[in-house]
N, C-alpha and C. Protein backbone atom coordinates (compact mmCIF):
# COMPACT_ATOMS: atom_id res chain seq x y z
N MET A 1 165.29 -56.61 -203.84
CA MET A 1 164.66 -57.47 -202.90
C MET A 1 163.34 -57.96 -203.47
N ALA A 2 163.15 -59.09 -203.15
CA ALA A 2 161.92 -59.70 -203.65
C ALA A 2 160.85 -59.56 -202.59
N LEU A 3 159.73 -59.20 -203.09
CA LEU A 3 158.59 -59.09 -202.17
C LEU A 3 157.93 -60.45 -202.06
N LEU A 4 157.84 -60.85 -200.88
CA LEU A 4 157.18 -62.12 -200.64
C LEU A 4 155.73 -61.85 -200.27
N GLU A 5 154.90 -62.55 -200.93
CA GLU A 5 153.48 -62.38 -200.66
C GLU A 5 153.14 -63.26 -199.45
N GLN A 6 152.68 -62.60 -198.43
CA GLN A 6 152.33 -63.34 -197.23
C GLN A 6 150.82 -63.53 -197.20
N GLN A 7 150.47 -64.73 -197.02
CA GLN A 7 149.05 -65.04 -196.93
C GLN A 7 148.72 -65.29 -195.47
N SER A 8 147.73 -64.60 -195.03
CA SER A 8 147.32 -64.80 -193.64
C SER A 8 146.37 -66.00 -193.59
N THR A 9 146.60 -66.79 -192.63
CA THR A 9 145.76 -67.98 -192.49
C THR A 9 144.68 -67.68 -191.45
N VAL A 10 143.68 -66.99 -191.88
CA VAL A 10 142.56 -66.67 -191.01
C VAL A 10 141.55 -67.79 -191.15
N SER A 11 141.29 -68.43 -190.04
CA SER A 11 140.31 -69.50 -190.09
C SER A 11 138.94 -68.91 -189.81
N LYS A 12 138.03 -69.27 -190.64
CA LYS A 12 136.68 -68.78 -190.46
C LYS A 12 135.93 -69.72 -189.55
N GLY A 13 135.21 -69.15 -188.58
CA GLY A 13 134.38 -69.94 -187.68
C GLY A 13 133.01 -70.14 -188.30
N PRO A 14 132.12 -70.69 -187.55
CA PRO A 14 130.78 -70.89 -188.07
C PRO A 14 130.10 -69.54 -188.30
N SER A 15 129.18 -69.53 -189.19
CA SER A 15 128.52 -68.27 -189.53
C SER A 15 127.63 -67.80 -188.38
N LEU A 16 127.24 -66.57 -188.45
CA LEU A 16 126.41 -65.96 -187.42
C LEU A 16 125.07 -66.67 -187.30
N ALA A 17 124.51 -67.10 -188.39
CA ALA A 17 123.22 -67.79 -188.37
C ALA A 17 123.32 -69.12 -187.62
N ILE A 18 124.40 -69.85 -187.84
CA ILE A 18 124.58 -71.13 -187.14
C ILE A 18 124.78 -70.88 -185.64
N GLN A 19 125.51 -69.85 -185.28
CA GLN A 19 125.72 -69.54 -183.88
C GLN A 19 124.40 -69.19 -183.18
N LEU A 20 123.55 -68.42 -183.86
CA LEU A 20 122.26 -68.06 -183.29
C LEU A 20 121.36 -69.28 -183.11
N VAL A 21 121.37 -70.19 -184.08
CA VAL A 21 120.56 -71.40 -183.98
C VAL A 21 121.05 -72.26 -182.81
N LEU A 22 122.35 -72.40 -182.67
CA LEU A 22 122.90 -73.16 -181.55
C LEU A 22 122.56 -72.50 -180.21
N LEU A 23 122.62 -71.18 -180.14
CA LEU A 23 122.29 -70.46 -178.92
C LEU A 23 120.82 -70.68 -178.54
N LEU A 24 119.94 -70.59 -179.52
CA LEU A 24 118.52 -70.81 -179.25
C LEU A 24 118.26 -72.26 -178.83
N GLY A 25 118.95 -73.19 -179.45
CA GLY A 25 118.79 -74.60 -179.08
C GLY A 25 119.24 -74.87 -177.66
N ILE A 26 120.39 -74.33 -177.28
CA ILE A 26 120.90 -74.53 -175.92
C ILE A 26 119.99 -73.84 -174.91
N THR A 27 119.47 -72.67 -175.25
CA THR A 27 118.56 -71.96 -174.36
C THR A 27 117.28 -72.77 -174.15
N ALA A 28 116.74 -73.33 -175.22
CA ALA A 28 115.53 -74.15 -175.10
C ALA A 28 115.80 -75.40 -174.28
N LEU A 29 116.96 -76.00 -174.44
CA LEU A 29 117.33 -77.18 -173.67
C LEU A 29 117.45 -76.83 -172.18
N ALA A 30 118.05 -75.69 -171.86
CA ALA A 30 118.18 -75.27 -170.47
C ALA A 30 116.81 -74.97 -169.85
N ALA A 31 115.93 -74.32 -170.61
CA ALA A 31 114.59 -74.03 -170.10
C ALA A 31 113.81 -75.32 -169.86
N GLY A 32 113.94 -76.28 -170.74
CA GLY A 32 113.27 -77.57 -170.56
C GLY A 32 113.80 -78.31 -169.35
N ALA A 33 115.11 -78.29 -169.14
CA ALA A 33 115.70 -78.96 -167.98
C ALA A 33 115.24 -78.28 -166.69
N ALA A 34 115.17 -76.95 -166.68
CA ALA A 34 114.71 -76.23 -165.49
C ALA A 34 113.25 -76.54 -165.20
N TRP A 35 112.41 -76.61 -166.21
CA TRP A 35 111.00 -76.95 -166.02
C TRP A 35 110.86 -78.37 -165.46
N PHE A 36 111.63 -79.31 -166.01
CA PHE A 36 111.57 -80.69 -165.54
C PHE A 36 112.04 -80.78 -164.09
N ALA A 37 113.13 -80.11 -163.75
CA ALA A 37 113.65 -80.15 -162.38
C ALA A 37 112.65 -79.52 -161.41
N GLY A 38 112.04 -78.40 -161.80
CA GLY A 38 111.04 -77.76 -160.94
C GLY A 38 109.83 -78.64 -160.71
N SER A 39 109.36 -79.30 -161.76
CA SER A 39 108.22 -80.20 -161.62
C SER A 39 108.57 -81.38 -160.72
N TYR A 40 109.76 -81.92 -160.90
CA TYR A 40 110.19 -83.06 -160.09
C TYR A 40 110.29 -82.67 -158.61
N LEU A 41 110.92 -81.51 -158.32
CA LEU A 41 111.07 -81.07 -156.94
C LEU A 41 109.72 -80.73 -156.31
N GLU A 42 108.81 -80.16 -157.08
CA GLU A 42 107.48 -79.85 -156.56
C GLU A 42 106.74 -81.14 -156.20
N HIS A 43 106.87 -82.15 -157.05
CA HIS A 43 106.24 -83.44 -156.78
C HIS A 43 106.84 -84.08 -155.53
N MET A 44 108.16 -84.01 -155.39
CA MET A 44 108.82 -84.58 -154.22
C MET A 44 108.41 -83.85 -152.94
N ALA A 45 108.29 -82.52 -153.00
CA ALA A 45 107.92 -81.74 -151.82
C ALA A 45 106.49 -82.05 -151.40
N SER A 46 105.59 -82.19 -152.34
CA SER A 46 104.21 -82.50 -151.98
C SER A 46 104.11 -83.90 -151.38
N GLY A 47 104.91 -84.83 -151.86
CA GLY A 47 104.93 -86.19 -151.29
C GLY A 47 105.51 -86.19 -149.89
N ALA A 48 106.52 -85.37 -149.64
CA ALA A 48 107.13 -85.29 -148.31
C ALA A 48 106.16 -84.66 -147.32
N GLN A 49 105.38 -83.66 -147.76
CA GLN A 49 104.41 -83.03 -146.88
C GLN A 49 103.31 -84.02 -146.50
N GLU A 50 102.86 -84.83 -147.46
CA GLU A 50 101.84 -85.82 -147.16
C GLU A 50 102.37 -86.86 -146.19
N THR A 51 103.62 -87.28 -146.35
CA THR A 51 104.22 -88.26 -145.45
C THR A 51 104.37 -87.68 -144.06
N ALA A 52 104.82 -86.44 -143.95
CA ALA A 52 104.98 -85.80 -142.64
C ALA A 52 103.64 -85.64 -141.95
N ALA A 53 102.60 -85.31 -142.70
CA ALA A 53 101.27 -85.17 -142.11
C ALA A 53 100.76 -86.51 -141.61
N ALA A 54 101.08 -87.57 -142.30
CA ALA A 54 100.62 -88.90 -141.89
C ALA A 54 101.35 -89.37 -140.64
N ARG A 55 102.62 -88.95 -140.45
CA ARG A 55 103.40 -89.40 -139.30
C ARG A 55 103.19 -88.55 -138.07
N SER A 56 102.57 -87.40 -138.19
CA SER A 56 102.46 -86.49 -137.05
C SER A 56 101.25 -86.84 -136.20
N THR A 57 101.25 -88.00 -135.59
CA THR A 57 100.14 -88.42 -134.74
C THR A 57 100.52 -88.43 -133.28
N GLY A 58 101.74 -88.02 -132.92
CA GLY A 58 102.18 -87.99 -131.52
C GLY A 58 101.52 -86.86 -130.77
N HIS A 59 101.57 -86.92 -129.42
CA HIS A 59 100.98 -85.90 -128.58
C HIS A 59 102.06 -85.28 -127.72
N ALA A 60 101.93 -83.97 -127.48
CA ALA A 60 102.90 -83.27 -126.65
C ALA A 60 102.19 -82.18 -125.87
N SER A 61 102.85 -81.70 -124.86
CA SER A 61 102.28 -80.59 -124.10
C SER A 61 102.35 -79.33 -124.94
N PRO A 62 101.41 -78.40 -124.76
CA PRO A 62 101.36 -77.21 -125.61
C PRO A 62 102.60 -76.34 -125.52
N GLN A 63 103.26 -76.27 -124.36
CA GLN A 63 104.41 -75.40 -124.24
C GLN A 63 105.65 -75.99 -124.89
N SER A 64 105.70 -77.29 -125.16
CA SER A 64 106.90 -77.89 -125.73
C SER A 64 106.88 -77.91 -127.25
N ALA A 65 105.74 -77.75 -127.87
CA ALA A 65 105.64 -77.82 -129.32
C ALA A 65 105.35 -76.44 -129.89
N PRO A 66 105.87 -76.15 -131.07
CA PRO A 66 105.56 -74.87 -131.69
C PRO A 66 104.10 -74.84 -132.11
N ALA A 67 103.52 -73.66 -132.13
CA ALA A 67 102.10 -73.53 -132.46
C ALA A 67 101.82 -73.87 -133.92
N HIS A 68 102.82 -73.75 -134.79
CA HIS A 68 102.60 -73.95 -136.21
C HIS A 68 102.99 -75.34 -136.69
N GLY A 69 103.62 -76.16 -135.87
CA GLY A 69 104.14 -77.44 -136.33
C GLY A 69 103.42 -78.62 -135.71
N PRO A 70 103.85 -79.82 -136.06
CA PRO A 70 103.23 -81.01 -135.49
C PRO A 70 103.54 -81.11 -133.99
N SER A 71 102.74 -81.88 -133.29
CA SER A 71 102.86 -81.92 -131.83
C SER A 71 104.03 -82.78 -131.36
N ASN A 72 104.71 -83.49 -132.24
CA ASN A 72 105.84 -84.31 -131.80
C ASN A 72 107.17 -83.64 -132.11
N VAL A 73 107.17 -82.34 -132.36
CA VAL A 73 108.39 -81.57 -132.63
C VAL A 73 108.64 -80.64 -131.45
N VAL A 74 109.87 -80.67 -130.94
CA VAL A 74 110.25 -79.82 -129.81
C VAL A 74 111.36 -78.89 -130.26
N ASP A 75 111.15 -77.59 -130.08
CA ASP A 75 112.19 -76.61 -130.37
C ASP A 75 113.14 -76.55 -129.17
N LEU A 76 114.42 -76.76 -129.42
CA LEU A 76 115.42 -76.64 -128.37
C LEU A 76 115.82 -75.19 -128.20
N LYS A 77 116.35 -74.85 -127.04
CA LYS A 77 116.90 -73.51 -126.83
C LYS A 77 118.09 -73.35 -127.77
N PRO A 78 118.33 -72.14 -128.28
CA PRO A 78 119.49 -71.94 -129.16
C PRO A 78 120.80 -72.28 -128.46
N ILE A 79 121.71 -72.87 -129.21
CA ILE A 79 123.03 -73.22 -128.70
C ILE A 79 124.02 -72.22 -129.29
N THR A 80 124.70 -71.47 -128.42
CA THR A 80 125.71 -70.52 -128.86
C THR A 80 127.02 -70.89 -128.17
N THR A 81 128.03 -71.16 -128.97
CA THR A 81 129.32 -71.58 -128.42
C THR A 81 130.44 -71.24 -129.40
N ASN A 82 131.65 -71.18 -128.87
CA ASN A 82 132.78 -71.01 -129.78
C ASN A 82 133.24 -72.39 -130.25
N MET A 83 133.90 -72.43 -131.39
CA MET A 83 134.32 -73.69 -131.97
C MET A 83 135.70 -74.08 -131.41
N ALA A 84 136.04 -75.33 -131.59
CA ALA A 84 137.34 -75.81 -131.11
C ALA A 84 138.47 -75.17 -131.89
N GLU A 85 138.28 -75.04 -133.19
CA GLU A 85 139.34 -74.46 -134.03
C GLU A 85 138.72 -73.79 -135.24
N PRO A 86 138.93 -72.58 -135.54
CA PRO A 86 139.59 -71.54 -134.76
C PRO A 86 138.69 -71.11 -133.60
N SER A 87 139.29 -70.88 -132.45
CA SER A 87 138.52 -70.62 -131.23
C SER A 87 137.83 -69.26 -131.24
N GLU A 88 138.21 -68.37 -132.15
CA GLU A 88 137.56 -67.07 -132.21
C GLU A 88 136.28 -67.09 -133.05
N VAL A 89 135.96 -68.21 -133.68
CA VAL A 89 134.73 -68.33 -134.45
C VAL A 89 133.63 -68.87 -133.54
N TRP A 90 132.49 -68.16 -133.54
CA TRP A 90 131.34 -68.56 -132.74
C TRP A 90 130.27 -69.17 -133.62
N MET A 91 129.55 -70.11 -133.05
CA MET A 91 128.49 -70.79 -133.78
C MET A 91 127.20 -70.67 -132.98
N ARG A 92 126.10 -70.44 -133.71
CA ARG A 92 124.76 -70.46 -133.10
C ARG A 92 123.92 -71.45 -133.87
N ALA A 93 123.39 -72.42 -133.17
CA ALA A 93 122.56 -73.46 -133.79
C ALA A 93 121.19 -73.44 -133.14
N GLU A 94 120.16 -73.32 -133.97
CA GLU A 94 118.78 -73.43 -133.50
C GLU A 94 118.23 -74.72 -134.07
N LEU A 95 117.92 -75.67 -133.19
CA LEU A 95 117.56 -77.02 -133.59
C LEU A 95 116.19 -77.39 -133.05
N SER A 96 115.56 -78.36 -133.72
CA SER A 96 114.32 -78.96 -133.25
C SER A 96 114.47 -80.47 -133.29
N LEU A 97 113.83 -81.14 -132.34
CA LEU A 97 113.84 -82.60 -132.29
C LEU A 97 112.49 -83.12 -132.74
N VAL A 98 112.51 -84.17 -133.56
CA VAL A 98 111.28 -84.82 -134.00
C VAL A 98 111.22 -86.17 -133.29
N PHE A 99 110.22 -86.32 -132.41
CA PHE A 99 110.05 -87.55 -131.65
C PHE A 99 109.17 -88.52 -132.42
N ASN A 100 109.39 -89.82 -132.24
CA ASN A 100 108.56 -90.86 -132.86
C ASN A 100 107.20 -90.94 -132.19
N GLY A 101 107.15 -90.70 -130.92
CA GLY A 101 105.91 -90.81 -130.16
C GLY A 101 105.72 -89.59 -129.30
N PRO A 102 105.26 -89.81 -128.06
CA PRO A 102 105.06 -88.67 -127.17
C PRO A 102 106.38 -87.98 -126.82
N VAL A 103 106.28 -86.69 -126.61
CA VAL A 103 107.46 -85.88 -126.31
C VAL A 103 107.83 -86.02 -124.84
N ASP A 104 109.11 -86.21 -124.59
CA ASP A 104 109.64 -86.26 -123.23
C ASP A 104 110.58 -85.08 -123.06
N THR A 105 110.15 -84.08 -122.27
CA THR A 105 110.94 -82.86 -122.15
C THR A 105 112.25 -83.09 -121.41
N ALA A 106 112.28 -84.06 -120.50
CA ALA A 106 113.54 -84.36 -119.79
C ALA A 106 114.57 -84.93 -120.76
N VAL A 107 114.13 -85.80 -121.65
CA VAL A 107 115.03 -86.35 -122.67
C VAL A 107 115.49 -85.24 -123.62
N ALA A 108 114.58 -84.34 -123.97
CA ALA A 108 114.94 -83.23 -124.86
C ALA A 108 116.01 -82.36 -124.22
N GLU A 109 115.91 -82.09 -122.92
CA GLU A 109 116.91 -81.28 -122.24
C GLU A 109 118.26 -82.00 -122.18
N THR A 110 118.23 -83.32 -121.96
CA THR A 110 119.47 -84.11 -121.94
C THR A 110 120.14 -84.09 -123.32
N ILE A 111 119.33 -84.24 -124.36
CA ILE A 111 119.87 -84.19 -125.73
C ILE A 111 120.45 -82.81 -126.01
N HIS A 112 119.77 -81.76 -125.54
CA HIS A 112 120.26 -80.39 -125.75
C HIS A 112 121.66 -80.23 -125.16
N GLN A 113 121.87 -80.71 -123.95
CA GLN A 113 123.17 -80.60 -123.30
C GLN A 113 124.23 -81.43 -124.04
N ASP A 114 123.84 -82.61 -124.51
CA ASP A 114 124.78 -83.47 -125.24
C ASP A 114 125.18 -82.83 -126.58
N LEU A 115 124.21 -82.25 -127.28
CA LEU A 115 124.51 -81.59 -128.55
C LEU A 115 125.39 -80.36 -128.32
N PHE A 116 125.14 -79.64 -127.24
CA PHE A 116 125.97 -78.48 -126.90
C PHE A 116 127.42 -78.91 -126.70
N ALA A 117 127.62 -79.98 -125.94
CA ALA A 117 128.98 -80.46 -125.68
C ALA A 117 129.65 -80.92 -126.98
N TYR A 118 128.89 -81.55 -127.86
CA TYR A 118 129.46 -82.02 -129.13
C TYR A 118 129.83 -80.85 -130.04
N LEU A 119 128.96 -79.84 -130.12
CA LEU A 119 129.23 -78.71 -131.02
C LEU A 119 130.47 -77.93 -130.59
N ARG A 120 130.82 -77.95 -129.31
CA ARG A 120 132.03 -77.27 -128.85
C ARG A 120 133.30 -77.92 -129.39
N THR A 121 133.22 -79.20 -129.78
CA THR A 121 134.40 -79.93 -130.25
C THR A 121 134.61 -79.80 -131.75
N LEU A 122 133.70 -79.14 -132.46
CA LEU A 122 133.80 -79.06 -133.91
C LEU A 122 134.89 -78.09 -134.35
N LYS A 123 135.44 -78.39 -135.51
CA LYS A 123 136.38 -77.48 -136.17
C LYS A 123 135.69 -76.93 -137.40
N LEU A 124 135.98 -75.70 -137.75
CA LEU A 124 135.29 -75.03 -138.85
C LEU A 124 135.45 -75.80 -140.15
N ARG A 125 136.62 -76.35 -140.39
CA ARG A 125 136.84 -77.06 -141.66
C ARG A 125 135.98 -78.31 -141.79
N GLN A 126 135.45 -78.82 -140.65
CA GLN A 126 134.60 -80.01 -140.69
C GLN A 126 133.22 -79.70 -141.25
N VAL A 127 132.76 -78.46 -141.14
CA VAL A 127 131.39 -78.13 -141.52
C VAL A 127 131.30 -77.07 -142.61
N GLU A 128 132.41 -76.70 -143.24
CA GLU A 128 132.35 -75.61 -144.21
C GLU A 128 131.94 -76.06 -145.61
N THR A 129 131.74 -77.34 -145.83
CA THR A 129 131.28 -77.83 -147.13
C THR A 129 129.89 -78.43 -146.99
N PRO A 130 129.15 -78.58 -148.08
CA PRO A 130 127.83 -79.21 -147.99
C PRO A 130 127.89 -80.64 -147.44
N SER A 131 128.89 -81.40 -147.84
CA SER A 131 128.99 -82.76 -147.31
C SER A 131 129.37 -82.73 -145.83
N GLY A 132 130.13 -81.73 -145.42
CA GLY A 132 130.46 -81.57 -144.01
C GLY A 132 129.21 -81.29 -143.18
N PHE A 133 128.31 -80.47 -143.73
CA PHE A 133 127.05 -80.20 -143.04
C PHE A 133 126.21 -81.47 -142.93
N GLN A 134 126.17 -82.27 -143.99
CA GLN A 134 125.42 -83.53 -143.94
C GLN A 134 126.01 -84.47 -142.89
N HIS A 135 127.33 -84.53 -142.80
CA HIS A 135 127.96 -85.36 -141.77
C HIS A 135 127.62 -84.85 -140.37
N LEU A 136 127.62 -83.52 -140.20
CA LEU A 136 127.26 -82.94 -138.91
C LEU A 136 125.82 -83.32 -138.54
N LYS A 137 124.92 -83.19 -139.50
CA LYS A 137 123.52 -83.52 -139.25
C LYS A 137 123.36 -84.98 -138.87
N SER A 138 124.02 -85.87 -139.59
CA SER A 138 123.90 -87.30 -139.28
C SER A 138 124.54 -87.63 -137.93
N ASP A 139 125.65 -86.96 -137.59
CA ASP A 139 126.27 -87.17 -136.28
C ASP A 139 125.35 -86.72 -135.15
N LEU A 140 124.72 -85.55 -135.32
CA LEU A 140 123.81 -85.04 -134.29
C LEU A 140 122.59 -85.95 -134.14
N GLU A 141 122.06 -86.43 -135.28
CA GLU A 141 120.90 -87.34 -135.22
C GLU A 141 121.28 -88.65 -134.53
N GLU A 142 122.46 -89.16 -134.82
CA GLU A 142 122.90 -90.40 -134.18
C GLU A 142 123.05 -90.21 -132.67
N ARG A 143 123.63 -89.09 -132.25
CA ARG A 143 123.78 -88.82 -130.82
C ARG A 143 122.41 -88.69 -130.15
N ALA A 144 121.47 -88.03 -130.83
CA ALA A 144 120.13 -87.86 -130.26
C ALA A 144 119.40 -89.20 -130.15
N ARG A 145 119.56 -90.06 -131.16
CA ARG A 145 118.93 -91.39 -131.10
C ARG A 145 119.49 -92.21 -129.96
N ILE A 146 120.80 -92.18 -129.79
CA ILE A 146 121.44 -92.94 -128.71
C ILE A 146 121.00 -92.40 -127.35
N ARG A 147 121.01 -91.08 -127.20
CA ARG A 147 120.67 -90.47 -125.91
C ARG A 147 119.20 -90.69 -125.55
N SER A 148 118.33 -90.75 -126.58
CA SER A 148 116.89 -90.89 -126.31
C SER A 148 116.43 -92.34 -126.34
N GLY A 149 117.31 -93.26 -126.65
CA GLY A 149 116.90 -94.66 -126.74
C GLY A 149 116.06 -94.94 -127.97
N GLY A 150 116.23 -94.14 -129.01
CA GLY A 150 115.53 -94.36 -130.27
C GLY A 150 114.21 -93.61 -130.41
N THR A 151 113.84 -92.79 -129.42
CA THR A 151 112.57 -92.07 -129.53
C THR A 151 112.67 -90.80 -130.38
N VAL A 152 113.88 -90.30 -130.60
CA VAL A 152 114.05 -89.13 -131.48
C VAL A 152 114.32 -89.63 -132.88
N ASP A 153 113.50 -89.17 -133.82
CA ASP A 153 113.59 -89.62 -135.20
C ASP A 153 114.57 -88.77 -136.00
N LYS A 154 114.46 -87.45 -135.87
CA LYS A 154 115.27 -86.53 -136.68
C LYS A 154 115.64 -85.30 -135.87
N ILE A 155 116.60 -84.57 -136.42
CA ILE A 155 116.92 -83.23 -135.92
C ILE A 155 116.74 -82.28 -137.08
N LEU A 156 115.99 -81.21 -136.83
CA LEU A 156 115.76 -80.20 -137.85
C LEU A 156 116.58 -78.96 -137.51
N PHE A 157 117.25 -78.40 -138.51
CA PHE A 157 118.01 -77.17 -138.32
C PHE A 157 117.11 -76.00 -138.68
N ARG A 158 116.84 -75.12 -137.71
CA ARG A 158 116.11 -73.89 -138.00
C ARG A 158 117.09 -72.80 -138.41
N ALA A 159 118.29 -72.82 -137.81
CA ALA A 159 119.32 -71.84 -138.16
C ALA A 159 120.68 -72.40 -137.76
N LEU A 160 121.68 -72.06 -138.55
CA LEU A 160 123.06 -72.41 -138.23
C LEU A 160 123.91 -71.23 -138.70
N LEU A 161 124.45 -70.48 -137.74
CA LEU A 161 125.19 -69.26 -138.05
C LEU A 161 126.62 -69.36 -137.51
N PHE A 162 127.55 -68.82 -138.26
CA PHE A 162 128.94 -68.73 -137.83
C PHE A 162 129.36 -67.28 -137.86
N GLU A 163 130.06 -66.85 -136.82
CA GLU A 163 130.52 -65.46 -136.77
C GLU A 163 131.96 -65.42 -136.36
């Protein structure tokens, strides 16, 4: 029998030195991107705080506004309800309304009842993604604007829990 010489075709990858250089380069690139993103977000947050401070010129009664926030923000009572589907899942939403001008507590109570009725019709699959949450927020803001005749500017979520 003839012995056949078998040659193994082992492919050599890049050397260890090249791998380390690439690793250091990618690490430096990631650190630079994180620094840039942090700086950008910090700049955006400081600009948003200045804008919010400039817009908070409305007046409200002391019991309707939180002690730590602007006077045109009203904290609503927490809404606790079961969802339409699956009905065994419960939702608790703690919301605040941002008024354009003076706060009207009767309008705030009407909006609270309307939002409660709307949240009972939600299905879990509608709000389980980030885009679903954004759609929920825009739907609630639209309902609040319609119910208030345009005096409510935004809805702020303090908490949104599902159990």
